PDB file of N, CA and C in Angstrom:
ATOM      1  N   MET A   1      -0.071  -9.571  14.698  1.00  0.00           N
ATOM      2  CA  MET A   1      -1.429  -9.389  15.147  1.00  0.00           C
ATOM      3  C   MET A   1      -2.155 -10.731  14.980  1.00  0.00           C
ATOM      4  N   GLY A   2      -2.656 -11.228  16.073  1.00  0.00           N
ATOM      5  CA  GLY A   2      -3.349 -12.496  16.056  1.00  0.00           C
ATOM      6  C   GLY A   2      -4.838 -12.328  15.813  1.00  0.00           C
ATOM      7  N   ILE A   3      -5.500 -13.455  15.680  1.00  0.00           N
ATOM      8  CA  ILE A   3      -6.937 -13.457  15.416  1.00  0.00           C
ATOM      9  C   ILE A   3      -7.710 -12.822  16.573  1.00  0.00           C
ATOM     10  N   GLN A   4      -7.250 -13.044  17.796  1.00  0.00           N
ATOM     11  CA  GLN A   4      -7.926 -12.451  18.952  1.00  0.00           C
ATOM     12  C   GLN A   4      -7.831 -10.926  18.924  1.00  0.00           C
ATOM     13  N   ASP A   5      -6.695 -10.410  18.481  1.00  0.00           N
ATOM     14  CA  ASP A   5      -6.538  -8.958  18.367  1.00  0.00           C
ATOM     15  C   ASP A   5      -7.495  -8.382  17.329  1.00  0.00           C
ATOM     16  N   ILE A   6      -7.648  -9.099  16.227  1.00  0.00           N
ATOM     17  CA  ILE A   6      -8.564  -8.650  15.176  1.00  0.00           C
ATOM     18  C   ILE A   6      -9.999  -8.653  15.681  1.00  0.00           C
ATOM     19  N   ILE A   7     -10.380  -9.725  16.370  1.00  0.00           N
ATOM     20  CA  ILE A   7     -11.739  -9.825  16.910  1.00  0.00           C
ATOM     21  C   ILE A   7     -11.997  -8.716  17.927  1.00  0.00           C
ATOM     22  N   GLU A   8     -11.037  -8.493  18.811  1.00  0.00           N
ATOM     23  CA  GLU A   8     -11.190  -7.438  19.819  1.00  0.00           C
ATOM     24  C   GLU A   8     -11.281  -6.063  19.154  1.00  0.00           C
ATOM     25  N   GLY A   9     -10.472  -5.836  18.135  1.00  0.00           N
ATOM     26  CA  GLY A   9     -10.521  -4.570  17.406  1.00  0.00           C
ATOM     27  C   GLY A   9     -11.874  -4.334  16.758  1.00  0.00           C
ATOM     28  N   LYS A  10     -12.442  -5.393  16.188  1.00  0.00           N
ATOM     29  CA  LYS A  10     -13.772  -5.260  15.573  1.00  0.00           C
ATOM     30  C   LYS A  10     -14.834  -4.964  16.624  1.00  0.00           C
ATOM     31  N   LYS A  11     -14.735  -5.595  17.783  1.00  0.00           N
ATOM     32  CA  LYS A  11     -15.697  -5.326  18.860  1.00  0.00           C
ATOM     33  C   LYS A  11     -15.616  -3.870  19.295  1.00  0.00           C
ATOM     34  N   GLN A  12     -14.389  -3.394  19.446  1.00  0.00           N
ATOM     35  CA  GLN A  12     -14.211  -2.007  19.860  1.00  0.00           C
ATOM     36  C   GLN A  12     -14.744  -1.045  18.802  1.00  0.00           C
ATOM     37  N   TRP A  13     -14.485  -1.357  17.528  1.00  0.00           N
ATOM     38  CA  TRP A  13     -14.958  -0.487  16.457  1.00  0.00           C
ATOM     39  C   TRP A  13     -16.478  -0.468  16.407  1.00  0.00           C
ATOM     40  N   ARG A  14     -17.108  -1.620  16.566  1.00  0.00           N
ATOM     41  CA  ARG A  14     -18.578  -1.678  16.553  1.00  0.00           C
ATOM     42  C   ARG A  14     -19.171  -0.899  17.721  1.00  0.00           C
ATOM     43  N   ALA A  15     -18.543  -1.002  18.890  1.00  0.00           N
ATOM     44  CA  ALA A  15     -19.019  -0.243  20.054  1.00  0.00           C
ATOM     45  C   ALA A  15     -18.861   1.257  19.802  1.00  0.00           C
ATOM     46  N   HIS A  16     -17.753   1.632  19.182  1.00  0.00           N
ATOM     47  CA  HIS A  16     -17.513   3.037  18.852  1.00  0.00           C
ATOM     48  C   HIS A  16     -18.578   3.542  17.883  1.00  0.00           C
ATOM     49  N   MET A  17     -18.857   2.774  16.847  1.00  0.00           N
ATOM     50  CA  MET A  17     -19.851   3.188  15.856  1.00  0.00           C
ATOM     51  C   MET A  17     -21.256   3.216  16.449  1.00  0.00           C
ATOM     52  N   ALA A  18     -21.533   2.371  17.437  1.00  0.00           N
ATOM     53  CA  ALA A  18     -22.832   2.424  18.120  1.00  0.00           C
ATOM     54  C   ALA A  18     -22.975   3.750  18.870  1.00  0.00           C
ATOM     55  N   ARG A  19     -21.874   4.228  19.452  1.00  0.00           N
ATOM     56  CA  ARG A  19     -21.899   5.532  20.119  1.00  0.00           C
ATOM     57  C   ARG A  19     -22.161   6.652  19.114  1.00  0.00           C
ATOM     58  N   VAL A  20     -21.569   6.536  17.939  1.00  0.00           N
ATOM     59  CA  VAL A  20     -21.782   7.540  16.893  1.00  0.00           C
ATOM     60  C   VAL A  20     -23.247   7.538  16.461  1.00  0.00           C
ATOM     61  N   LYS A  21     -23.827   6.350  16.285  1.00  0.00           N
ATOM     62  CA  LYS A  21     -25.221   6.253  15.840  1.00  0.00           C
ATOM     63  C   LYS A  21     -26.207   6.762  16.894  1.00  0.00           C
ATOM     64  N   ALA A  22     -25.763   6.866  18.144  1.00  0.00           N
ATOM     65  CA  ALA A  22     -26.619   7.396  19.204  1.00  0.00           C
ATOM     66  C   ALA A  22     -26.666   8.927  19.191  1.00  0.00           C
ATOM     67  N   LEU A  23     -25.770   9.555  18.432  1.00  0.00           N
ATOM     68  CA  LEU A  23     -25.745  11.017  18.334  1.00  0.00           C
ATOM     69  C   LEU A  23     -26.890  11.498  17.434  1.00  0.00           C
ATOM     70  N   PRO A  24     -27.285  12.763  17.575  1.00  0.00           N
ATOM     71  CA  PRO A  24     -28.295  13.334  16.667  1.00  0.00           C
ATOM     72  C   PRO A  24     -27.791  13.300  15.216  1.00  0.00           C
ATOM     73  N   PRO A  25     -28.698  13.329  14.252  1.00  0.00           N
ATOM     74  CA  PRO A  25     -28.312  13.205  12.839  1.00  0.00           C
ATOM     75  C   PRO A  25     -27.281  14.224  12.359  1.00  0.00           C
ATOM     76  N   ASP A  26     -27.388  15.488  12.777  1.00  0.00           N
ATOM     77  CA  ASP A  26     -26.418  16.476  12.312  1.00  0.00           C
ATOM     78  C   ASP A  26     -25.019  16.176  12.843  1.00  0.00           C
ATOM     79  N   TYR A  27     -24.916  15.688  14.060  1.00  0.00           N
ATOM     80  CA  TYR A  27     -23.627  15.283  14.620  1.00  0.00           C
ATOM     81  C   TYR A  27     -23.069  14.074  13.864  1.00  0.00           C
ATOM     82  N   GLN A  28     -23.946  13.137  13.509  1.00  0.00           N
ATOM     83  CA  GLN A  28     -23.494  11.960  12.768  1.00  0.00           C
ATOM     84  C   GLN A  28     -22.923  12.344  11.407  1.00  0.00           C
ATOM     85  N   ILE A  29     -23.572  13.259  10.734  1.00  0.00           N
ATOM     86  CA  ILE A  29     -23.095  13.697   9.418  1.00  0.00           C
ATOM     87  C   ILE A  29     -21.706  14.319   9.536  1.00  0.00           C
ATOM     88  N   VAL A  30     -21.536  15.205  10.499  1.00  0.00           N
ATOM     89  CA  VAL A  30     -20.244  15.865  10.679  1.00  0.00           C
ATOM     90  C   VAL A  30     -19.190  14.851  11.112  1.00  0.00           C
ATOM     91  N   TYR A  31     -19.553  13.920  12.005  1.00  0.00           N
ATOM     92  CA  TYR A  31     -18.591  12.896  12.423  1.00  0.00           C
ATOM     93  C   TYR A  31     -18.116  12.083  11.220  1.00  0.00           C
ATOM     94  N   LYS A  32     -19.037  11.702  10.342  1.00  0.00           N
ATOM     95  CA  LYS A  32     -18.657  10.902   9.174  1.00  0.00           C
ATOM     96  C   LYS A  32     -17.735  11.687   8.246  1.00  0.00           C
ATOM     97  N   GLU A  33     -17.953  12.984   8.130  1.00  0.00           N
ATOM     98  CA  GLU A  33     -17.054  13.816   7.326  1.00  0.00           C
ATOM     99  C   GLU A  33     -15.666  13.900   7.967  1.00  0.00           C
ATOM    100  N   ILE A  34     -15.633  14.042   9.283  1.00  0.00           N
ATOM    101  CA  ILE A  34     -14.357  14.062  10.001  1.00  0.00           C
ATOM    102  C   ILE A  34     -13.638  12.737   9.816  1.00  0.00           C
ATOM    103  N   GLN A  35     -14.364  11.657   9.986  1.00  0.00           N
ATOM    104  CA  GLN A  35     -13.785  10.322   9.830  1.00  0.00           C
ATOM    105  C   GLN A  35     -13.231  10.146   8.415  1.00  0.00           C
ATOM    106  N   ARG A  36     -13.990  10.535   7.408  1.00  0.00           N
ATOM    107  CA  ARG A  36     -13.541  10.425   6.017  1.00  0.00           C
ATOM    108  C   ARG A  36     -12.266  11.239   5.804  1.00  0.00           C
ATOM    109  N   TYR A  37     -12.247  12.436   6.360  1.00  0.00           N
ATOM    110  CA  TYR A  37     -11.073  13.304   6.222  1.00  0.00           C
ATOM    111  C   TYR A  37      -9.846  12.658   6.869  1.00  0.00           C
ATOM    112  N   PHE A  38     -10.026  12.141   8.076  1.00  0.00           N
ATOM    113  CA  PHE A  38      -8.892  11.529   8.766  1.00  0.00           C
ATOM    114  C   PHE A  38      -8.421  10.255   8.083  1.00  0.00           C
ATOM    115  N   PHE A  39      -9.332   9.471   7.546  1.00  0.00           N
ATOM    116  CA  PHE A  39      -8.917   8.258   6.855  1.00  0.00           C
ATOM    117  C   PHE A  39      -8.164   8.580   5.569  1.00  0.00           C
ATOM    118  N   LYS A  40      -8.418   9.740   5.006  1.00  0.00           N
ATOM    119  CA  LYS A  40      -7.731  10.138   3.781  1.00  0.00           C
ATOM    120  C   LYS A  40      -6.339  10.697   4.068  1.00  0.00           C
ATOM    121  N   VAL A  41      -6.229  11.606   5.022  1.00  0.00           N
ATOM    122  CA  VAL A  41      -4.955  12.274   5.290  1.00  0.00           C
ATOM    123  C   VAL A  41      -4.513  12.160   6.736  1.00  0.00           C
ATOM    124  N   GLY A  42      -5.252  11.466   7.515  1.00  0.00           N
ATOM    125  CA  GLY A  42      -5.100  11.493   8.958  1.00  0.00           C
ATOM    126  C   GLY A  42      -3.774  11.059   9.522  1.00  0.00           C
ATOM    127  N   PRO A  43      -3.671  11.187  10.812  1.00  0.00           N
ATOM    128  CA  PRO A  43      -2.432  10.840  11.499  1.00  0.00           C
ATOM    129  C   PRO A  43      -2.153   9.346  11.430  1.00  0.00           C
ATOM    130  N   ILE A  44      -0.887   9.008  11.512  1.00  0.00           N
ATOM    131  CA  ILE A  44      -0.450   7.617  11.416  1.00  0.00           C
ATOM    132  C   ILE A  44      -1.057   6.766  12.529  1.00  0.00           C
ATOM    133  N   ASP A  45      -1.164   7.321  13.716  1.00  0.00           N
ATOM    134  CA  ASP A  45      -1.665   6.550  14.860  1.00  0.00           C
ATOM    135  C   ASP A  45      -3.174   6.729  15.069  1.00  0.00           C
ATOM    136  N   LEU A  46      -3.910   7.007  14.005  1.00  0.00           N
ATOM    137  CA  LEU A  46      -5.340   7.269  14.115  1.00  0.00           C
ATOM    138  C   LEU A  46      -6.094   6.119  14.768  1.00  0.00           C
ATOM    139  N   LEU A  47      -5.880   4.915  14.303  1.00  0.00           N
ATOM    140  CA  LEU A  47      -6.642   3.781  14.830  1.00  0.00           C
ATOM    141  C   LEU A  47      -6.125   3.308  16.180  1.00  0.00           C
ATOM    142  N   ASP A  48      -4.855   3.579  16.474  1.00  0.00           N
ATOM    143  CA  ASP A  48      -4.296   3.169  17.760  1.00  0.00           C
ATOM    144  C   ASP A  48      -4.583   4.173  18.867  1.00  0.00           C
ATOM    145  N   GLY A  49      -4.810   5.408  18.484  1.00  0.00           N
ATOM    146  CA  GLY A  49      -5.010   6.467  19.463  1.00  0.00           C
ATOM    147  C   GLY A  49      -6.456   6.627  19.869  1.00  0.00           C
ATOM    148  N   SER A  50      -6.713   7.723  20.542  1.00  0.00           N
ATOM    149  CA  SER A  50      -8.066   7.970  21.052  1.00  0.00           C
ATOM    150  C   SER A  50      -8.707   9.179  20.377  1.00  0.00           C
ATOM    151  N   LEU A  51      -8.216   9.546  19.214  1.00  0.00           N
ATOM    152  CA  LEU A  51      -8.715  10.745  18.541  1.00  0.00           C
ATOM    153  C   LEU A  51     -10.193  10.632  18.187  1.00  0.00           C
ATOM    154  N   LEU A  52     -10.582   9.560  17.516  1.00  0.00           N
ATOM    155  CA  LEU A  52     -11.979   9.426  17.093  1.00  0.00           C
ATOM    156  C   LEU A  52     -12.918   9.267  18.281  1.00  0.00           C
ATOM    157  N   SER A  53     -12.521   8.495  19.280  1.00  0.00           N
ATOM    158  CA  SER A  53     -13.389   8.346  20.452  1.00  0.00           C
ATOM    159  C   SER A  53     -13.450   9.648  21.243  1.00  0.00           C
ATOM    160  N   GLY A  54     -12.376  10.416  21.225  1.00  0.00           N
ATOM    161  CA  GLY A  54     -12.385  11.725  21.875  1.00  0.00           C
ATOM    162  C   GLY A  54     -13.355  12.680  21.201  1.00  0.00           C
ATOM    163  N   ILE A  55     -13.449  12.587  19.885  1.00  0.00           N
ATOM    164  CA  ILE A  55     -14.402  13.426  19.153  1.00  0.00           C
ATOM    165  C   ILE A  55     -15.826  13.039  19.525  1.00  0.00           C
ATOM    166  N   VAL A  56     -16.094  11.736  19.648  1.00  0.00           N
ATOM    167  CA  VAL A  56     -17.437  11.298  20.034  1.00  0.00           C
ATOM    168  C   VAL A  56     -17.751  11.788  21.449  1.00  0.00           C
ATOM    169  N   ASP A  57     -16.779  11.735  22.347  1.00  0.00           N
ATOM    170  CA  ASP A  57     -16.976  12.266  23.702  1.00  0.00           C
ATOM    171  C   ASP A  57     -17.293  13.764  23.653  1.00  0.00           C
ATOM    172  N   PHE A  58     -16.515  14.492  22.864  1.00  0.00           N
ATOM    173  CA  PHE A  58     -16.708  15.936  22.700  1.00  0.00           C
ATOM    174  C   PHE A  58     -18.096  16.237  22.151  1.00  0.00           C
ATOM    175  N   PHE A  59     -18.511  15.474  21.150  1.00  0.00           N
ATOM    176  CA  PHE A  59     -19.839  15.648  20.583  1.00  0.00           C
ATOM    177  C   PHE A  59     -20.928  15.311  21.600  1.00  0.00           C
ATOM    178  N   GLY A  60     -20.703  14.276  22.401  1.00  0.00           N
ATOM    179  CA  GLY A  60     -21.673  13.918  23.439  1.00  0.00           C
ATOM    180  C   GLY A  60     -21.868  15.042  24.437  1.00  0.00           C
ATOM    181  N   GLU A  61     -20.768  15.716  24.794  1.00  0.00           N
ATOM    182  CA  GLU A  61     -20.858  16.853  25.703  1.00  0.00           C
ATOM    183  C   GLU A  61     -21.630  18.001  25.052  1.00  0.00           C
ATOM    184  N   GLY A  62     -21.430  18.200  23.750  1.00  0.00           N
ATOM    185  CA  GLY A  62     -22.149  19.243  23.033  1.00  0.00           C
ATOM    186  C   GLY A  62     -23.641  18.969  22.985  1.00  0.00           C
ATOM    187  N   VAL A  63     -23.995  17.698  22.773  1.00  0.00           N
ATOM    188  CA  VAL A  63     -25.407  17.320  22.763  1.00  0.00           C
ATOM    189  C   VAL A  63     -26.016  17.571  24.129  1.00  0.00           C
ATOM    190  N   ALA A  64     -25.295  17.170  25.183  1.00  0.00           N
ATOM    191  CA  ALA A  64     -25.796  17.356  26.551  1.00  0.00           C
ATOM    192  C   ALA A  64     -25.983  18.834  26.886  1.00  0.00           C
ATOM    193  N   ALA A  65     -25.126  19.683  26.311  1.00  0.00           N
ATOM    194  CA  ALA A  65     -25.230  21.124  26.555  1.00  0.00           C
ATOM    195  C   ALA A  65     -26.269  21.787  25.644  1.00  0.00           C
ATOM    196  N   GLY A  66     -26.835  21.021  24.723  1.00  0.00           N
ATOM    197  CA  GLY A  66     -27.847  21.561  23.834  1.00  0.00           C
ATOM    198  C   GLY A  66     -27.304  22.408  22.699  1.00  0.00           C
ATOM    199  N   LYS A  67     -26.049  22.208  22.355  1.00  0.00           N
ATOM    200  CA  LYS A  67     -25.426  22.988  21.286  1.00  0.00           C
ATOM    201  C   LYS A  67     -25.512  22.243  19.964  1.00  0.00           C
ATOM    202  N   GLY A  68     -25.546  23.002  18.894  1.00  0.00           N
ATOM    203  CA  GLY A  68     -25.464  22.418  17.559  1.00  0.00           C
ATOM    204  C   GLY A  68     -24.025  22.055  17.254  1.00  0.00           C
ATOM    205  N   VAL A  69     -23.837  21.117  16.346  1.00  0.00           N
ATOM    206  CA  VAL A  69     -22.491  20.642  16.053  1.00  0.00           C
ATOM    207  C   VAL A  69     -21.606  21.753  15.481  1.00  0.00           C
ATOM    208  N   LEU A  70     -22.170  22.628  14.666  1.00  0.00           N
ATOM    209  CA  LEU A  70     -21.361  23.705  14.099  1.00  0.00           C
ATOM    210  C   LEU A  70     -20.993  24.764  15.130  1.00  0.00           C
ATOM    211  N   GLU A  71     -21.748  24.852  16.218  1.00  0.00           N
ATOM    212  CA  GLU A  71     -21.356  25.734  17.323  1.00  0.00           C
ATOM    213  C   GLU A  71     -20.085  25.211  17.986  1.00  0.00           C
ATOM    214  N   LEU A  72     -19.911  23.899  17.975  1.00  0.00           N
ATOM    215  CA  LEU A  72     -18.735  23.291  18.606  1.00  0.00           C
ATOM    216  C   LEU A  72     -17.490  23.392  17.745  1.00  0.00           C
ATOM    217  N   ILE A  73     -17.643  23.085  16.463  1.00  0.00           N
ATOM    218  CA  ILE A  73     -16.449  22.960  15.622  1.00  0.00           C
ATOM    219  C   ILE A  73     -16.253  24.106  14.648  1.00  0.00           C
ATOM    220  N   GLY A  74     -17.270  24.923  14.434  1.00  0.00           N
ATOM    221  CA  GLY A  74     -17.184  25.988  13.437  1.00  0.00           C
ATOM    222  C   GLY A  74     -17.730  25.508  12.108  1.00  0.00           C
ATOM    223  N   ASN A  75     -17.691  26.375  11.119  1.00  0.00           N
ATOM    224  CA  ASN A  75     -18.273  26.055   9.821  1.00  0.00           C
ATOM    225  C   ASN A  75     -17.350  25.259   8.905  1.00  0.00           C
ATOM    226  N   ASP A  76     -16.073  25.211   9.212  1.00  0.00           N
ATOM    227  CA  ASP A  76     -15.099  24.537   8.348  1.00  0.00           C
ATOM    228  C   ASP A  76     -14.617  23.248   9.008  1.00  0.00           C
ATOM    229  N   VAL A  77     -15.173  22.128   8.567  1.00  0.00           N
ATOM    230  CA  VAL A  77     -14.835  20.834   9.162  1.00  0.00           C
ATOM    231  C   VAL A  77     -13.362  20.504   8.926  1.00  0.00           C
ATOM    232  N   ALA A  78     -12.853  20.781   7.736  1.00  0.00           N
ATOM    233  CA  ALA A  78     -11.451  20.477   7.422  1.00  0.00           C
ATOM    234  C   ALA A  78     -10.498  21.274   8.311  1.00  0.00           C
ATOM    235  N   ALA A  79     -10.805  22.528   8.559  1.00  0.00           N
ATOM    236  CA  ALA A  79      -9.955  23.344   9.435  1.00  0.00           C
ATOM    237  C   ALA A  79      -9.966  22.791  10.859  1.00  0.00           C
ATOM    238  N   PHE A  80     -11.130  22.342  11.322  1.00  0.00           N
ATOM    239  CA  PHE A  80     -11.231  21.711  12.635  1.00  0.00           C
ATOM    240  C   PHE A  80     -10.342  20.471  12.698  1.00  0.00           C
ATOM    241  N   CYS A  81     -10.407  19.648  11.665  1.00  0.00           N
ATOM    242  CA  CYS A  81      -9.596  18.430  11.608  1.00  0.00           C
ATOM    243  C   CYS A  81      -8.108  18.761  11.575  1.00  0.00           C
ATOM    244  N   ASP A  82      -7.742  19.744  10.754  1.00  0.00           N
ATOM    245  CA  ASP A  82      -6.339  20.138  10.661  1.00  0.00           C
ATOM    246  C   ASP A  82      -5.795  20.611  12.001  1.00  0.00           C
ATOM    247  N   ASP A  83      -6.607  21.347  12.752  1.00  0.00           N
ATOM    248  CA  ASP A  83      -6.176  21.803  14.069  1.00  0.00           C
ATOM    249  C   ASP A  83      -5.947  20.636  15.023  1.00  0.00           C
ATOM    250  N   LEU A  84      -6.762  19.606  14.906  1.00  0.00           N
ATOM    251  CA  LEU A  84      -6.614  18.450  15.796  1.00  0.00           C
ATOM    252  C   LEU A  84      -5.334  17.678  15.547  1.00  0.00           C
ATOM    253  N   VAL A  85      -4.880  17.631  14.305  1.00  0.00           N
ATOM    254  CA  VAL A  85      -3.711  16.819  13.965  1.00  0.00           C
ATOM    255  C   VAL A  85      -2.509  17.649  13.540  1.00  0.00           C
ATOM    256  N   LYS A  86      -2.505  18.934  13.871  1.00  0.00           N
ATOM    257  CA  LYS A  86      -1.444  19.813  13.381  1.00  0.00           C
ATOM    258  C   LYS A  86      -0.046  19.396  13.844  1.00  0.00           C
ATOM    259  N   ASP A  87       0.073  18.748  14.977  1.00  0.00           N
ATOM    260  CA  ASP A  87       1.387  18.332  15.471  1.00  0.00           C
ATOM    261  C   ASP A  87       1.657  16.847  15.277  1.00  0.00           C
ATOM    262  N   SER A  88       0.787  16.171  14.549  1.00  0.00           N
ATOM    263  CA  SER A  88       0.940  14.738  14.322  1.00  0.00           C
ATOM    264  C   SER A  88       1.477  14.488  12.914  1.00  0.00           C
ATOM    265  N   ARG A  89       2.240  13.428  12.783  1.00  0.00           N
ATOM    266  CA  ARG A  89       2.721  13.021  11.468  1.00  0.00           C
ATOM    267  C   ARG A  89       1.577  12.304  10.752  1.00  0.00           C
ATOM    268  N   THR A  90       1.345  12.662   9.494  1.00  0.00           N
ATOM    269  CA  THR A  90       0.229  12.101   8.742  1.00  0.00           C
ATOM    270  C   THR A  90       0.740  11.276   7.565  1.00  0.00           C
ATOM    271  N   TYR A  91      -0.173  10.489   6.997  1.00  0.00           N
ATOM    272  CA  TYR A  91       0.166   9.735   5.796  1.00  0.00           C
ATOM    273  C   TYR A  91       0.480  10.677   4.645  1.00  0.00           C
ATOM    274  N   ALA A  92      -0.154  11.834   4.628  1.00  0.00           N
ATOM    275  CA  ALA A  92       0.133  12.822   3.593  1.00  0.00           C
ATOM    276  C   ALA A  92       1.574  13.307   3.717  1.00  0.00           C
ATOM    277  N   ASP A  93       2.075  13.470   4.943  1.00  0.00           N
ATOM    278  CA  ASP A  93       3.477  13.861   5.151  1.00  0.00           C
ATOM    279  C   ASP A  93       4.419  12.799   4.602  1.00  0.00           C
ATOM    280  N   ILE A  94       4.114  11.551   4.883  1.00  0.00           N
ATOM    281  CA  ILE A  94       4.955  10.448   4.419  1.00  0.00           C
ATOM    282  C   ILE A  94       4.972  10.413   2.890  1.00  0.00           C
ATOM    283  N   TYR A  95       3.809  10.602   2.291  1.00  0.00           N
ATOM    284  CA  TYR A  95       3.738  10.604   0.834  1.00  0.00           C
ATOM    285  C   TYR A  95       4.557  11.753   0.256  1.00  0.00           C
ATOM    286  N   GLN A  96       4.417  12.940   0.818  1.00  0.00           N
ATOM    287  CA  GLN A  96       5.171  14.093   0.325  1.00  0.00           C
ATOM    288  C   GLN A  96       6.675  13.853   0.445  1.00  0.00           C
ATOM    289  N   GLU A  97       7.099  13.256   1.551  1.00  0.00           N
ATOM    290  CA  GLU A  97       8.515  12.951   1.731  1.00  0.00           C
ATOM    291  C   GLU A  97       8.994  11.944   0.693  1.00  0.00           C
ATOM    292  N   SER A  98       8.151  10.967   0.386  1.00  0.00           N
ATOM    293  CA  SER A  98       8.560   9.929  -0.562  1.00  0.00           C
ATOM    294  C   SER A  98       8.688  10.473  -1.981  1.00  0.00           C
ATOM    295  N   ILE A  99       7.819  11.392  -2.376  1.00  0.00           N
ATOM    296  CA  ILE A  99       7.926  11.915  -3.741  1.00  0.00           C
ATOM    297  C   ILE A  99       9.038  12.963  -3.862  1.00  0.00           C
ATOM    298  N   ARG A 100       9.424  13.543  -2.750  1.00  0.00           N
ATOM    299  CA  ARG A 100      10.568  14.472  -2.767  1.00  0.00           C
ATOM    300  C   ARG A 100      11.877  13.711  -2.681  1.00  0.00           C
ATOM    301  N   GLY A 101      11.789  12.433  -2.321  1.00  0.00           N
ATOM    302  CA  GLY A 101      13.003  11.615  -2.231  1.00  0.00           C
ATOM    303  C   GLY A 101      13.830  11.903  -0.998  1.00  0.00           C
ATOM    304  N   GLU A 102      13.181  12.290   0.090  1.00  0.00           N
ATOM    305  CA  GLU A 102      13.940  12.547   1.305  1.00  0.00           C
ATOM    306  C   GLU A 102      14.509  11.259   1.838  1.00  0.00           C
ATOM    307  N   PRO A 103      15.722  11.305   2.350  1.00  0.00           N
ATOM    308  CA  PRO A 103      16.378  10.088   2.828  1.00  0.00           C
ATOM    309  C   PRO A 103      15.604   9.402   3.942  1.00  0.00           C
ATOM    310  N   GLY A 104      15.580   8.078   3.867  1.00  0.00           N
ATOM    311  CA  GLY A 104      14.974   7.287   4.948  1.00  0.00           C
ATOM    312  C   GLY A 104      13.480   7.161   4.872  1.00  0.00           C
ATOM    313  N   THR A 105      12.870   7.460   3.742  1.00  0.00           N
ATOM    314  CA  THR A 105      11.407   7.354   3.686  1.00  0.00           C
ATOM    315  C   THR A 105      10.997   6.200   2.791  1.00  0.00           C
ATOM    316  N   ALA A 106      10.956   6.404   1.504  1.00  0.00           N
ATOM    317  CA  ALA A 106      10.417   5.392   0.590  1.00  0.00           C
ATOM    318  C   ALA A 106      11.386   4.234   0.369  1.00  0.00           C
ATOM    319  N   GLU A 107      12.663   4.460   0.588  1.00  0.00           N
ATOM    320  CA  GLU A 107      13.643   3.419   0.309  1.00  0.00           C
ATOM    321  C   GLU A 107      13.665   2.319   1.354  1.00  0.00           C
ATOM    322  N   LYS A 108      13.031   2.534   2.488  1.00  0.00           N
ATOM    323  CA  LYS A 108      13.074   1.540   3.578  1.00  0.00           C
ATOM    324  C   LYS A 108      12.282   0.324   3.243  1.00  0.00           C
TER     325      LYS A 108
END
């Protein structure tokens, strides 16, 4: 990864966060909780994929429809997050494999 890639990544992240800050306060709070959850246990390709930007798009549609954020995702933010990444490999999976000593994980 070169310096240009890092600079471009920062530009993209700042643009993404500007979109988040344009959301109503209740949406911003829930987005930050989702982001925190994903950064803790999230999928391996979280930053390379479009998951977080897709959530901002989804939230933007909810705002346009006049819905509250909990009407969109339900009352359990963690359950919403788990449903989004249920078929993705997560860092938590890798950690569990490494402490169980499954072949081809921690020894690499």
